[in-house]
Amino acid sequence: MNSSLYHGEKIRHWFPNSSLDFVSSLHAMLDNLSKWFRNLPIPNFSNNSLFLRGVSKVPNSPQFNDPIQNLAWEMAHCLEQKKFHLHYQPQIDIKTGALLGVETLIRWHHPRLGFISPAEFIPIAEQTGLIVPMGYWVLQQSCLQYQRWLSQGIPPFKLSVNLSLRQLQEANLVSEIESIVAQTQISYQQITLEVTESLMLYEPGETINRLNQLNEMGIQIAIDDFGVGYSSLSYLKDLPLQTLKIDKSFLDDLLTREKNQVILQSIIELGHRLDLKIVAEGVESVEQLAMLKSMDCDYGQGYLFSRPLTDQDTTAFFRTSSFLETRCLATV
């Protein structure tokens, strides 16, 4: 998440907040997008990114003075037309090799520009407010896919979905999630919502209250990218957390830098003393896995286990996940 977008107050975004229902008013949002964009300032994003080339030539769309505006309009249009795609990355129990669950990741394959990284379009979605309907759509589609997996005989597992800081500002967040769960008939206990440390930069009282409501419903809460965001540990005693996800940066030099090993071991021990489960992100080698196992880390996620997969490939992974027991994981 791009911390430059936050200033200790509500995120500055282009769309009027008021009482707009982002989920049911997406079509109206799209219709009014050109009017809003023409009257509001452009945020400070770099126009030098490769993915912006050609964005100003969007067929059948209003033309704006900045490629960021054109891209945001296309994002809204693609969201309405359900042209984003979801991939799922498995999370594995390090001790047993068993499958814990999957994290949902949104992907956008642009018809002219090709694959656009989430690192490029998510900050724009945050700044424009599009992250709100996008986030609800991701949760809804993930829950529907989860039900399809259950109907195919896949045993229950944990479904992790990212919850943006912008969504946490919405007064109707809890009721929207309740509506999605009721519609898709998924168990609250199977859902984990991942938030980042930067959530504490905006009205932590409101944030904690909403997270507490979700947690009381049975939804688990995880802190994503732990250790690289908000530089205070005080929120660990205030937030209703069940999981810490250690940022990939701590694993990059894990085998060669003793300081990384000390920090990682300390995070794992701290988390366990707070009765939290630990997920290491970015596990890419057997050597990293062996060290994480020696540190008593609970779960791993990364290319060693699997890249993010389409729903069809995830189904195949579920059906063959027992292979993990016979791979190197069981003998590390």
Protein backbone atom coordinates (compact mmCIF):
# COMPACT_ATOMS: atom_id res chain seq x y z
CA MET A 1 0.00 0.00 0.00
CA ASN A 2 1.30 3.42 -0.90
CA SER A 3 1.71 5.27 2.40
CA SER A 4 2.09 8.61 0.60
CA LEU A 5 -1.68 8.59 0.09
CA TYR A 6 -2.42 8.93 3.80
CA HIS A 7 -2.05 11.96 6.01
CA GLY A 8 -3.39 10.89 9.42
CA GLU A 9 -6.93 11.71 8.29
CA LYS A 10 -9.41 10.43 5.76
CA ILE A 11 -7.82 9.47 2.48
CA ARG A 12 -8.13 12.20 -0.10
CA HIS A 13 -9.96 10.76 -3.06
CA TRP A 14 -11.72 12.05 -6.13
CA PHE A 15 -15.22 10.76 -5.51
CA PRO A 16 -17.70 12.40 -3.10
CA ASN A 17 -18.07 10.24 0.00
CA SER A 18 -21.42 11.44 1.44
CA SER A 19 -23.89 8.56 1.66
CA LEU A 20 -23.13 7.03 -1.73
CA ASP A 21 -23.65 3.28 -1.81
CA PHE A 22 -20.58 2.21 -3.77
CA VAL A 23 -21.81 -1.32 -4.36
CA SER A 24 -25.25 -0.59 -5.81
CA SER A 25 -24.23 2.69 -7.49
CA LEU A 26 -21.29 1.50 -9.58
CA HIS A 27 -23.15 2.22 -12.83
CA ALA A 28 -24.01 5.72 -11.62
CA MET A 29 -20.40 6.17 -10.57
CA LEU A 30 -19.29 5.29 -14.08
CA ASP A 31 -21.84 7.61 -15.67
CA ASN A 32 -20.70 10.56 -13.55
CA LEU A 33 -16.99 9.80 -13.71
CA SER A 34 -16.15 12.24 -16.50
CA LYS A 35 -17.94 15.10 -14.73
CA TRP A 36 -16.07 14.44 -11.49
CA PHE A 37 -12.70 14.01 -13.17
CA ARG A 38 -12.92 17.23 -15.18
CA ASN A 39 -13.45 19.30 -12.04
CA LEU A 40 -11.04 17.68 -9.63
CA PRO A 41 -7.23 17.73 -9.37
CA ILE A 42 -5.05 14.87 -10.50
CA PRO A 43 -3.12 13.07 -7.73
CA ASN A 44 0.63 12.92 -7.81
CA PHE A 45 1.21 9.65 -9.66
CA SER A 46 4.09 9.21 -12.05
CA ASN A 47 3.11 9.36 -15.73
CA ASN A 48 6.30 7.60 -16.72
CA SER A 49 5.11 4.07 -16.00
CA LEU A 50 5.12 1.79 -19.02
CA PHE A 51 1.54 0.73 -18.41
CA LEU A 52 0.29 4.30 -19.05
CA ARG A 53 1.43 4.35 -22.67
CA GLY A 54 -1.59 4.47 -24.92
CA VAL A 55 -4.08 4.90 -22.07
CA SER A 56 -5.26 8.22 -23.51
CA LYS A 57 -6.61 6.38 -26.57
CA VAL A 58 -9.57 4.65 -24.99
CA PRO A 59 -12.32 3.69 -27.47
CA ASN A 60 -15.88 4.79 -26.66
CA SER A 61 -14.91 6.64 -23.50
CA PRO A 62 -14.61 10.27 -22.44
CA GLN A 63 -11.14 11.70 -23.03
CA PHE A 64 -9.30 13.37 -20.17
CA ASN A 65 -6.18 15.47 -19.98
CA ASP A 66 -4.20 12.92 -18.00
CA PRO A 67 -3.59 9.20 -18.65
CA ILE A 68 -4.23 8.46 -14.96
CA GLN A 69 -7.79 9.74 -15.37
CA ASN A 70 -8.32 7.64 -18.48
CA LEU A 71 -6.99 4.57 -16.71
CA ALA A 72 -9.25 5.17 -13.71
CA TRP A 73 -12.26 5.47 -16.02
CA GLU A 74 -11.29 2.19 -17.65
CA MET A 75 -10.91 0.57 -14.24
CA ALA A 76 -14.45 1.59 -13.32
CA HIS A 77 -15.75 0.33 -16.66
CA CYS A 78 -13.92 -2.99 -16.32
CA LEU A 79 -15.18 -3.39 -12.78
CA GLU A 80 -18.76 -2.88 -13.94
CA GLN A 81 -18.22 -5.37 -16.77
CA LYS A 82 -16.51 -7.87 -14.41
CA LYS A 83 -13.34 -7.90 -16.50
CA PHE A 84 -10.95 -8.22 -13.59
CA HIS A 85 -9.77 -11.72 -12.69
CA LEU A 86 -9.02 -13.44 -9.41
CA HIS A 87 -6.09 -15.69 -8.67
CA TYR A 88 -5.52 -17.70 -5.52
CA GLN A 89 -2.21 -18.40 -3.77
CA PRO A 90 -2.07 -21.39 -1.40
CA GLN A 91 -0.94 -21.09 2.21
CA ILE A 92 0.75 -24.16 3.67
CA ASP A 93 1.27 -25.51 7.18
CA ILE A 94 5.05 -25.54 7.49
CA LYS A 95 5.12 -28.32 10.07
CA THR A 96 2.91 -30.83 8.21
CA GLY A 97 2.79 -29.68 4.59
CA ALA A 98 -1.01 -29.58 4.80
CA LEU A 99 -3.02 -26.93 2.99
CA LEU A 100 -4.28 -24.12 5.28
CA GLY A 101 -6.12 -22.10 2.63
CA VAL A 102 -5.66 -19.52 -0.11
CA GLU A 103 -5.27 -15.77 -0.44
CA THR A 104 -7.31 -14.06 -3.15
CA LEU A 105 -5.34 -11.74 -5.44
CA ILE A 106 -6.91 -9.48 -8.07
CA ARG A 107 -5.44 -9.36 -11.58
CA TRP A 108 -6.07 -7.09 -14.55
CA HIS A 109 -5.19 -8.07 -18.10
CA HIS A 110 -5.79 -4.92 -20.13
CA PRO A 111 -7.02 -5.53 -23.71
CA ARG A 112 -4.35 -3.22 -25.19
CA LEU A 113 -1.72 -2.76 -22.49
CA GLY A 114 -1.54 -6.37 -21.36
CA PHE A 115 -0.96 -7.33 -17.74
CA ILE A 116 -1.04 -4.37 -15.36
CA SER A 117 0.53 -5.04 -11.98
CA PRO A 118 -1.64 -4.53 -8.88
CA ALA A 119 1.22 -2.35 -7.63
CA GLU A 120 0.29 0.04 -10.45
CA PHE A 121 -3.51 0.06 -10.38
CA ILE A 122 -4.32 -0.53 -6.69
CA PRO A 123 -2.91 2.87 -5.56
CA ILE A 124 -5.09 4.56 -8.20
CA ALA A 125 -8.10 2.56 -7.01
CA GLU A 126 -7.34 3.66 -3.45
CA GLN A 127 -7.03 7.30 -4.40
CA THR A 128 -10.20 7.38 -6.50
CA GLY A 129 -12.35 5.36 -4.13
CA LEU A 130 -12.79 2.58 -6.69
CA ILE A 131 -11.11 0.27 -4.18
CA VAL A 132 -14.40 0.15 -2.25
CA PRO A 133 -16.60 -1.51 -4.91
CA MET A 134 -13.55 -3.43 -6.11
CA GLY A 135 -12.93 -4.80 -2.62
CA TYR A 136 -16.54 -5.88 -2.19
CA TRP A 137 -16.53 -7.48 -5.63
CA VAL A 138 -13.38 -9.44 -4.78
CA LEU A 139 -14.93 -10.67 -1.52
CA GLN A 140 -18.20 -11.59 -3.21
CA GLN A 141 -16.57 -13.46 -6.07
CA SER A 142 -14.15 -15.22 -3.72
CA CYS A 143 -17.02 -16.43 -1.54
CA LEU A 144 -18.99 -17.63 -4.59
CA GLN A 145 -15.92 -19.52 -5.82
CA TYR A 146 -15.45 -20.97 -2.34
CA GLN A 147 -18.98 -22.37 -2.47
CA ARG A 148 -18.29 -23.89 -5.89
CA TRP A 149 -15.23 -25.62 -4.44
CA LEU A 150 -17.26 -27.01 -1.55
CA SER A 151 -19.89 -28.28 -3.98
CA GLN A 152 -17.12 -30.15 -5.81
CA GLY A 153 -16.17 -32.00 -2.65
CA ILE A 154 -13.18 -29.85 -1.64
CA PRO A 155 -12.91 -29.86 2.19
CA PRO A 156 -13.37 -26.49 3.98
CA PHE A 157 -10.30 -24.26 4.19
CA LYS A 158 -9.39 -20.67 5.08
CA LEU A 159 -10.19 -17.96 2.52
CA SER A 160 -8.06 -14.82 2.92
CA VAL A 161 -9.15 -11.57 1.29
CA ASN A 162 -7.54 -8.14 1.52
CA LEU A 163 -9.49 -5.34 3.18
CA SER A 164 -8.33 -1.86 2.21
CA LEU A 165 -7.95 1.12 4.51
CA ARG A 166 -10.45 2.95 2.32
CA GLN A 167 -13.05 0.23 2.95
CA LEU A 168 -12.47 0.52 6.68
CA GLN A 169 -13.59 4.15 6.44
CA GLU A 170 -17.02 3.09 5.18
CA ALA A 171 -19.71 3.29 7.88
CA ASN A 172 -21.62 0.45 6.19
CA LEU A 173 -18.61 -1.89 5.94
CA VAL A 174 -19.94 -4.48 8.39
CA SER A 175 -23.43 -4.55 6.88
CA GLU A 176 -22.01 -4.92 3.35
CA ILE A 177 -19.88 -7.88 4.43
CA GLU A 178 -22.87 -9.40 6.23
CA SER A 179 -24.88 -9.06 3.02
CA ILE A 180 -22.17 -10.76 0.93
CA VAL A 181 -21.83 -13.64 3.39
CA ALA A 182 -25.62 -14.09 3.53
CA GLN A 183 -25.82 -14.06 -0.27
CA THR A 184 -23.00 -16.57 -0.77
CA GLN A 185 -23.83 -18.77 2.25
CA ILE A 186 -20.21 -19.06 3.33
CA SER A 187 -19.31 -19.56 6.99
CA TYR A 188 -17.86 -16.50 8.72
CA GLN A 189 -15.33 -18.78 10.41
CA GLN A 190 -13.72 -19.62 7.05
CA ILE A 191 -12.97 -15.97 6.17
CA THR A 192 -9.79 -14.11 7.06
CA LEU A 193 -9.61 -10.41 6.24
CA GLU A 194 -6.08 -9.07 5.75
CA VAL A 195 -5.38 -5.45 6.69
CA THR A 196 -2.15 -3.46 6.73
CA GLU A 197 -0.46 -1.70 9.61
CA SER A 198 -1.24 1.71 8.07
CA LEU A 199 -4.88 1.32 9.14
CA MET A 200 -3.83 2.77 12.50
CA LEU A 201 -3.00 6.07 10.81
CA TYR A 202 -6.69 6.84 10.35
CA GLU A 203 -9.04 7.17 13.32
CA PRO A 204 -7.95 3.95 15.05
CA GLY A 205 -11.01 4.04 17.33
CA GLU A 206 -13.40 3.60 14.41
CA THR A 207 -11.12 1.05 12.78
CA ILE A 208 -10.85 -1.08 15.90
CA ASN A 209 -14.61 -0.90 16.46
CA ARG A 210 -15.37 -2.18 12.94
CA LEU A 211 -12.74 -4.90 13.14
CA ASN A 212 -14.13 -5.97 16.52
CA GLN A 213 -17.60 -6.27 15.00
CA LEU A 214 -16.26 -8.43 12.18
CA ASN A 215 -14.25 -10.55 14.61
CA GLU A 216 -17.28 -11.10 16.85
CA MET A 217 -19.13 -12.43 13.79
CA GLY A 218 -16.44 -15.11 13.48
CA ILE A 219 -14.23 -13.52 10.81
CA GLN A 220 -10.51 -13.72 11.54
CA ILE A 221 -8.26 -10.68 11.16
CA ALA A 222 -4.67 -10.77 9.90
CA ILE A 223 -2.07 -8.02 9.69
CA ASP A 224 -0.47 -8.14 6.24
CA ASP A 225 3.12 -7.09 5.44
CA PHE A 226 3.94 -6.98 9.14
CA GLY A 227 7.06 -5.01 10.05
CA VAL A 228 7.29 -2.60 7.11
CA GLY A 229 4.44 -0.16 7.74
CA TYR A 230 3.22 1.71 10.80
CA SER A 231 6.18 1.72 13.19
CA SER A 232 4.38 1.07 16.48
CA LEU A 233 3.68 -2.23 18.19
CA SER A 234 0.99 -0.72 20.43
CA TYR A 235 -1.79 -1.72 18.05
CA LEU A 236 -1.01 -5.40 18.67
CA LYS A 237 -2.69 -5.13 22.07
CA ASP A 238 -5.69 -3.22 20.74
CA LEU A 239 -6.61 -4.94 17.46
CA PRO A 240 -8.60 -8.20 17.40
CA LEU A 241 -5.89 -10.16 15.60
CA GLN A 242 -5.42 -13.87 15.00
CA THR A 243 -2.58 -13.81 12.44
CA LEU A 244 0.59 -11.89 11.57
CA LYS A 245 1.87 -12.13 8.00
CA ILE A 246 5.59 -11.42 7.88
CA ASP A 247 6.60 -9.29 4.91
CA LYS A 248 8.66 -10.90 2.19
CA SER A 249 11.51 -8.43 2.74
CA PHE A 250 12.50 -10.26 5.93
CA LEU A 251 12.99 -13.48 3.96
CA ASP A 252 14.97 -12.04 1.05
CA ASP A 253 18.30 -12.10 2.91
CA LEU A 254 17.30 -14.56 5.59
CA LEU A 255 20.06 -17.05 4.81
CA THR A 256 22.89 -14.51 4.67
CA ARG A 257 22.05 -11.78 7.19
CA GLU A 258 22.07 -12.66 10.85
CA LYS A 259 20.07 -9.53 11.72
CA ASN A 260 17.21 -10.74 9.53
CA GLN A 261 17.26 -14.05 11.36
CA VAL A 262 17.19 -12.35 14.77
CA ILE A 263 14.33 -10.05 13.76
CA LEU A 264 12.32 -12.87 12.23
CA GLN A 265 12.79 -15.12 15.24
CA SER A 266 11.74 -12.26 17.53
CA ILE A 267 8.58 -11.57 15.50
CA ILE A 268 7.60 -15.25 15.59
CA GLU A 269 8.20 -15.51 19.34
CA LEU A 270 6.31 -12.25 19.98
CA GLY A 271 3.38 -13.42 17.89
CA HIS A 272 3.19 -16.77 19.65
CA ARG A 273 3.32 -15.14 23.09
CA LEU A 274 0.31 -13.06 21.97
CA ASP A 275 -1.43 -16.28 20.84
CA LEU A 276 -1.16 -15.34 17.15
CA LYS A 277 -0.41 -17.57 14.18
CA ILE A 278 2.49 -16.56 11.92
CA VAL A 279 2.48 -16.68 8.12
CA ALA A 280 5.76 -16.06 6.26
CA GLU A 281 5.23 -14.49 2.84
CA GLY A 282 7.57 -14.94 -0.11
CA VAL A 283 8.95 -18.41 0.70
CA GLU A 284 10.95 -19.34 -2.39
CA SER A 285 13.54 -21.91 -1.38
CA VAL A 286 13.85 -25.11 0.63
CA GLU A 287 16.62 -23.46 2.66
CA GLN A 288 14.28 -20.63 3.70
CA LEU A 289 11.63 -23.19 4.58
CA ALA A 290 14.06 -25.17 6.74
CA MET A 291 15.02 -22.05 8.69
CA LEU A 292 11.37 -21.03 9.15
CA LYS A 293 10.59 -24.52 10.40
CA SER A 294 13.47 -24.33 12.89
CA MET A 295 12.05 -20.99 14.11
CA ASP A 296 8.65 -22.60 14.71
CA CYS A 297 6.87 -20.48 12.08
CA ASP A 298 3.33 -21.77 11.52
CA TYR A 299 2.51 -21.22 7.84
CA GLY A 300 4.19 -20.27 4.58
CA GLN A 301 3.10 -18.67 1.34
CA GLY A 302 5.25 -18.26 -1.75
CA TYR A 303 6.52 -19.66 -5.02
CA LEU A 304 8.11 -22.68 -3.31
CA PHE A 305 4.58 -23.96 -2.72
CA SER A 306 2.77 -22.36 -5.66
CA ARG A 307 2.42 -19.23 -7.73
CA PRO A 308 -0.99 -17.51 -7.66
CA LEU A 309 -3.36 -19.77 -9.61
CA THR A 310 -6.56 -19.37 -11.61
CA ASP A 311 -9.66 -20.91 -10.10
CA GLN A 312 -9.33 -23.96 -12.38
CA ASP A 313 -5.67 -24.46 -11.48
CA THR A 314 -6.48 -23.95 -7.80
CA THR A 315 -9.07 -26.72 -8.04
CA ALA A 316 -6.42 -29.02 -9.51
CA PHE A 317 -4.02 -27.99 -6.74
CA PHE A 318 -6.60 -28.88 -4.10
CA ARG A 319 -7.09 -32.30 -5.61
CA THR A 320 -3.34 -33.01 -5.66
CA SER A 321 -2.31 -31.11 -2.53
CA SER A 322 -1.39 -34.38 -0.86
CA PHE A 323 1.76 -34.26 -2.98
CA LEU A 324 3.08 -31.73 -0.47
CA GLU A 325 3.38 -34.53 2.06
CA THR A 326 5.70 -36.46 -0.20
CA ARG A 327 7.81 -33.54 -1.39
CA CYS A 328 10.81 -32.09 0.36
CA LEU A 329 8.52 -30.31 2.86
CA ALA A 330 8.00 -33.39 4.96
CA THR A 331 11.74 -34.05 5.24
CA VAL A 332 13.03 -30.50 5.76
